[in-house]
Amino acid sequence: MRNKKLIPFEVIEKAVAGEPEAIDIVLKHYSPRIKYLSKYRGITTMIFKTV
């Protein structure tokens, strides 16, 4: 039985290859975590300051 919380490996491979639809799926999957980290720890602020 597959874990529904994980993104299928095939989608990850396509996202790495640059397929826009797969990238969108990955971003939608991780967007709650990204939002949480950016508010709680200020991760995005730190990343943008180093660039």
PDB file of N, CA and C in Angstrom:
ATOM      1  N   MET A   1       0.839  -1.177   0.000  1.00  0.00           N
ATOM      2  CA  MET A   1       0.000   0.000   0.000  1.00  0.00           C
ATOM      3  C   MET A   1       0.885   1.240   0.000  1.00  0.00           C
ATOM      4  N   ARG A   2       0.540   2.215  -0.838  1.00  0.00           N
ATOM      5  CA  ARG A   2       1.338   3.426  -0.972  1.00  0.00           C
ATOM      6  C   ARG A   2       1.003   4.433   0.116  1.00  0.00           C
ATOM      7  N   ASN A   3       1.998   5.180   0.504  1.00  0.00           N
ATOM      8  CA  ASN A   3       1.815   6.255   1.462  1.00  0.00           C
ATOM      9  C   ASN A   3       1.248   7.460   0.717  1.00  0.00           C
ATOM     10  N   LYS A   4       0.067   7.902   1.088  1.00  0.00           N
ATOM     11  CA  LYS A   4      -0.582   8.999   0.376  1.00  0.00           C
ATOM     12  C   LYS A   4       0.072  10.346   0.646  1.00  0.00           C
ATOM     13  N   LYS A   5       0.929  10.421   1.659  1.00  0.00           N
ATOM     14  CA  LYS A   5       1.601  11.667   1.960  1.00  0.00           C
ATOM     15  C   LYS A   5       2.818  11.886   1.078  1.00  0.00           C
ATOM     16  N   LEU A   6       3.282  10.853   0.395  1.00  0.00           N
ATOM     17  CA  LEU A   6       4.462  10.967  -0.446  1.00  0.00           C
ATOM     18  C   LEU A   6       4.081  11.259  -1.891  1.00  0.00           C
ATOM     19  N   ILE A   7       4.924  12.016  -2.546  1.00  0.00           N
ATOM     20  CA  ILE A   7       4.749  12.269  -3.972  1.00  0.00           C
ATOM     21  C   ILE A   7       5.311  11.068  -4.712  1.00  0.00           C
ATOM     22  N   PRO A   8       4.621  10.576  -5.732  1.00  0.00           N
ATOM     23  CA  PRO A   8       5.166   9.439  -6.491  1.00  0.00           C
ATOM     24  C   PRO A   8       6.532   9.772  -7.097  1.00  0.00           C
ATOM     25  N   PHE A   9       7.394   8.793  -7.123  1.00  0.00           N
ATOM     26  CA  PHE A   9       8.753   8.975  -7.629  1.00  0.00           C
ATOM     27  C   PHE A   9       8.757   9.476  -9.071  1.00  0.00           C
ATOM     28  N   GLU A  10       7.813   9.015  -9.865  1.00  0.00           N
ATOM     29  CA  GLU A  10       7.739   9.417 -11.268  1.00  0.00           C
ATOM     30  C   GLU A  10       7.516  10.923 -11.394  1.00  0.00           C
ATOM     31  N   VAL A  11       6.700  11.474 -10.500  1.00  0.00           N
ATOM     32  CA  VAL A  11       6.431  12.911 -10.522  1.00  0.00           C
ATOM     33  C   VAL A  11       7.700  13.683 -10.157  1.00  0.00           C
ATOM     34  N   ILE A  12       8.434  13.189  -9.178  1.00  0.00           N
ATOM     35  CA  ILE A  12       9.683  13.840  -8.783  1.00  0.00           C
ATOM     36  C   ILE A  12      10.691  13.815  -9.928  1.00  0.00           C
ATOM     37  N   GLU A  13      10.790  12.692 -10.615  1.00  0.00           N
ATOM     38  CA  GLU A  13      11.704  12.597 -11.755  1.00  0.00           C
ATOM     39  C   GLU A  13      11.339  13.611 -12.834  1.00  0.00           C
ATOM     40  N   LYS A  14      10.050  13.733 -13.122  1.00  0.00           N
ATOM     41  CA  LYS A  14       9.603  14.693 -14.141  1.00  0.00           C
ATOM     42  C   LYS A  14       9.854  16.124 -13.698  1.00  0.00           C
ATOM     43  N   ALA A  15       9.667  16.406 -12.415  1.00  0.00           N
ATOM     44  CA  ALA A  15       9.919  17.760 -11.902  1.00  0.00           C
ATOM     45  C   ALA A  15      11.399  18.112 -12.013  1.00  0.00           C
ATOM     46  N   VAL A  16      12.263  17.161 -11.706  1.00  0.00           N
ATOM     47  CA  VAL A  16      13.707  17.386 -11.827  1.00  0.00           C
ATOM     48  C   VAL A  16      14.083  17.628 -13.284  1.00  0.00           C
ATOM     49  N   ALA A  17      13.389  16.945 -14.191  1.00  0.00           N
ATOM     50  CA  ALA A  17      13.655  17.116 -15.620  1.00  0.00           C
ATOM     51  C   ALA A  17      13.114  18.446 -16.137  1.00  0.00           C
ATOM     52  N   GLY A  18      12.259  19.123 -15.339  1.00  0.00           N
ATOM     53  CA  GLY A  18      11.775  20.448 -15.729  1.00  0.00           C
ATOM     54  C   GLY A  18      10.370  20.494 -16.274  1.00  0.00           C
ATOM     55  N   GLU A  19       9.611  19.430 -16.133  1.00  0.00           N
ATOM     56  CA  GLU A  19       8.232  19.434 -16.639  1.00  0.00           C
ATOM     57  C   GLU A  19       7.367  20.336 -15.752  1.00  0.00           C
ATOM     58  N   PRO A  20       6.746  21.368 -16.345  1.00  0.00           N
ATOM     59  CA  PRO A  20       5.990  22.349 -15.558  1.00  0.00           C
ATOM     60  C   PRO A  20       4.851  21.764 -14.720  1.00  0.00           C
ATOM     61  N   GLU A  21       4.136  20.786 -15.252  1.00  0.00           N
ATOM     62  CA  GLU A  21       3.022  20.195 -14.506  1.00  0.00           C
ATOM     63  C   GLU A  21       3.520  19.458 -13.260  1.00  0.00           C
ATOM     64  N   ALA A  22       4.629  18.760 -13.389  1.00  0.00           N
ATOM     65  CA  ALA A  22       5.188  18.034 -12.255  1.00  0.00           C
ATOM     66  C   ALA A  22       5.730  19.006 -11.204  1.00  0.00           C
ATOM     67  N   ILE A  23       6.348  20.083 -11.654  1.00  0.00           N
ATOM     68  CA  ILE A  23       6.843  21.093 -10.719  1.00  0.00           C
ATOM     69  C   ILE A  23       5.684  21.695  -9.940  1.00  0.00           C
ATOM     70  N   ASP A  24       4.586  21.946 -10.615  1.00  0.00           N
ATOM     71  CA  ASP A  24       3.394  22.494  -9.959  1.00  0.00           C
ATOM     72  C   ASP A  24       2.860  21.535  -8.895  1.00  0.00           C
ATOM     73  N   ILE A  25       2.851  20.251  -9.188  1.00  0.00           N
ATOM     74  CA  ILE A  25       2.392  19.249  -8.220  1.00  0.00           C
ATOM     75  C   ILE A  25       3.288  19.257  -6.985  1.00  0.00           C
ATOM     76  N   VAL A  26       4.589  19.310  -7.200  1.00  0.00           N
ATOM     77  CA  VAL A  26       5.529  19.308  -6.078  1.00  0.00           C
ATOM     78  C   VAL A  26       5.358  20.574  -5.241  1.00  0.00           C
ATOM     79  N   LEU A  27       5.231  21.722  -5.895  1.00  0.00           N
ATOM     80  CA  LEU A  27       5.059  22.978  -5.157  1.00  0.00           C
ATOM     81  C   LEU A  27       3.749  23.000  -4.370  1.00  0.00           C
ATOM     82  N   LYS A  28       2.685  22.479  -4.964  1.00  0.00           N
ATOM     83  CA  LYS A  28       1.408  22.423  -4.244  1.00  0.00           C
ATOM     84  C   LYS A  28       1.502  21.484  -3.037  1.00  0.00           C
ATOM     85  N   HIS A  29       2.244  20.409  -3.194  1.00  0.00           N
ATOM     86  CA  HIS A  29       2.389  19.451  -2.098  1.00  0.00           C
ATOM     87  C   HIS A  29       3.144  20.067  -0.921  1.00  0.00           C
ATOM     88  N   TYR A  30       4.204  20.818  -1.226  1.00  0.00           N
ATOM     89  CA  TYR A  30       5.053  21.365  -0.176  1.00  0.00           C
ATOM     90  C   TYR A  30       4.698  22.793   0.240  1.00  0.00           C
ATOM     91  N   SER A  31       3.723  23.429  -0.404  1.00  0.00           N
ATOM     92  CA  SER A  31       3.418  24.827  -0.080  1.00  0.00           C
ATOM     93  C   SER A  31       3.009  25.040   1.374  1.00  0.00           C
ATOM     94  N   PRO A  32       2.228  24.157   2.016  1.00  0.00           N
ATOM     95  CA  PRO A  32       1.945  24.384   3.444  1.00  0.00           C
ATOM     96  C   PRO A  32       3.210  24.371   4.299  1.00  0.00           C
ATOM     97  N   ARG A  33       4.139  23.491   4.004  1.00  0.00           N
ATOM     98  CA  ARG A  33       5.383  23.419   4.763  1.00  0.00           C
ATOM     99  C   ARG A  33       6.246  24.660   4.524  1.00  0.00           C
ATOM    100  N   ILE A  34       6.294  25.119   3.280  1.00  0.00           N
ATOM    101  CA  ILE A  34       7.059  26.321   2.949  1.00  0.00           C
ATOM    102  C   ILE A  34       6.477  27.528   3.674  1.00  0.00           C
ATOM    103  N   LYS A  35       5.152  27.649   3.666  1.00  0.00           N
ATOM    104  CA  LYS A  35       4.503  28.771   4.355  1.00  0.00           C
ATOM    105  C   LYS A  35       4.770  28.713   5.852  1.00  0.00           C
ATOM    106  N   TYR A  36       4.689  27.536   6.423  1.00  0.00           N
ATOM    107  CA  TYR A  36       4.931  27.382   7.857  1.00  0.00           C
ATOM    108  C   TYR A  36       6.356  27.791   8.210  1.00  0.00           C
ATOM    109  N   LEU A  37       7.321  27.281   7.472  1.00  0.00           N
ATOM    110  CA  LEU A  37       8.712  27.593   7.768  1.00  0.00           C
ATOM    111  C   LEU A  37       9.024  29.068   7.561  1.00  0.00           C
ATOM    112  N   SER A  38       8.412  29.670   6.548  1.00  0.00           N
ATOM    113  CA  SER A  38       8.698  31.084   6.298  1.00  0.00           C
ATOM    114  C   SER A  38       8.130  31.961   7.398  1.00  0.00           C
ATOM    115  N   LYS A  39       7.028  31.558   8.015  1.00  0.00           N
ATOM    116  CA  LYS A  39       6.447  32.343   9.099  1.00  0.00           C
ATOM    117  C   LYS A  39       7.109  32.015  10.435  1.00  0.00           C
ATOM    118  N   TYR A  40       7.362  30.748  10.684  1.00  0.00           N
ATOM    119  CA  TYR A  40       7.854  30.317  11.985  1.00  0.00           C
ATOM    120  C   TYR A  40       9.343  30.578  12.174  1.00  0.00           C
ATOM    121  N   ARG A  41      10.130  30.242  11.186  1.00  0.00           N
ATOM    122  CA  ARG A  41      11.582  30.346  11.327  1.00  0.00           C
ATOM    123  C   ARG A  41      12.209  31.436  10.475  1.00  0.00           C
ATOM    124  N   GLY A  42      11.438  32.010   9.568  1.00  0.00           N
ATOM    125  CA  GLY A  42      12.009  33.036   8.702  1.00  0.00           C
ATOM    126  C   GLY A  42      12.994  32.487   7.694  1.00  0.00           C
ATOM    127  N   ILE A  43      12.785  31.251   7.282  1.00  0.00           N
ATOM    128  CA  ILE A  43      13.728  30.583   6.377  1.00  0.00           C
ATOM    129  C   ILE A  43      13.858  31.342   5.062  1.00  0.00           C
ATOM    130  N   THR A  44      12.742  31.745   4.448  1.00  0.00           N
ATOM    131  CA  THR A  44      12.829  32.416   3.152  1.00  0.00           C
ATOM    132  C   THR A  44      13.566  33.740   3.274  1.00  0.00           C
ATOM    133  N   THR A  45      13.416  34.431   4.378  1.00  0.00           N
ATOM    134  CA  THR A  45      14.122  35.680   4.586  1.00  0.00           C
ATOM    135  C   THR A  45      15.630  35.436   4.614  1.00  0.00           C
ATOM    136  N   MET A  46      16.035  34.394   5.309  1.00  0.00           N
ATOM    137  CA  MET A  46      17.461  34.072   5.389  1.00  0.00           C
ATOM    138  C   MET A  46      18.009  33.681   4.020  1.00  0.00           C
ATOM    139  N   ILE A  47      17.244  32.948   3.246  1.00  0.00           N
ATOM    140  CA  ILE A  47      17.695  32.509   1.920  1.00  0.00           C
ATOM    141  C   ILE A  47      17.873  33.711   1.017  1.00  0.00           C
ATOM    142  N   PHE A  48      16.913  34.620   0.999  1.00  0.00           N
ATOM    143  CA  PHE A  48      17.002  35.763   0.115  1.00  0.00           C
ATOM    144  C   PHE A  48      18.112  36.735   0.518  1.00  0.00           C
ATOM    145  N   LYS A  49      18.462  36.784   1.800  1.00  0.00           N
ATOM    146  CA  LYS A  49      19.542  37.669   2.233  1.00  0.00           C
ATOM    147  C   LYS A  49      20.898  37.147   1.778  1.00  0.00           C
ATOM    148  N   THR A  50      21.027  35.828   1.631  1.00  0.00           N
ATOM    149  CA  THR A  50      22.319  35.269   1.236  1.00  0.00           C
ATOM    150  C   THR A  50      22.525  35.317  -0.266  1.00  0.00           C
ATOM    151  N   VAL A  51      21.466  35.507  -1.024  1.00  0.00           N
ATOM    152  CA  VAL A  51      21.577  35.489  -2.484  1.00  0.00           C
ATOM    153  C   VAL A  51      22.020  36.811  -3.017  1.00  0.00           C
TER     154      VAL A  51
END
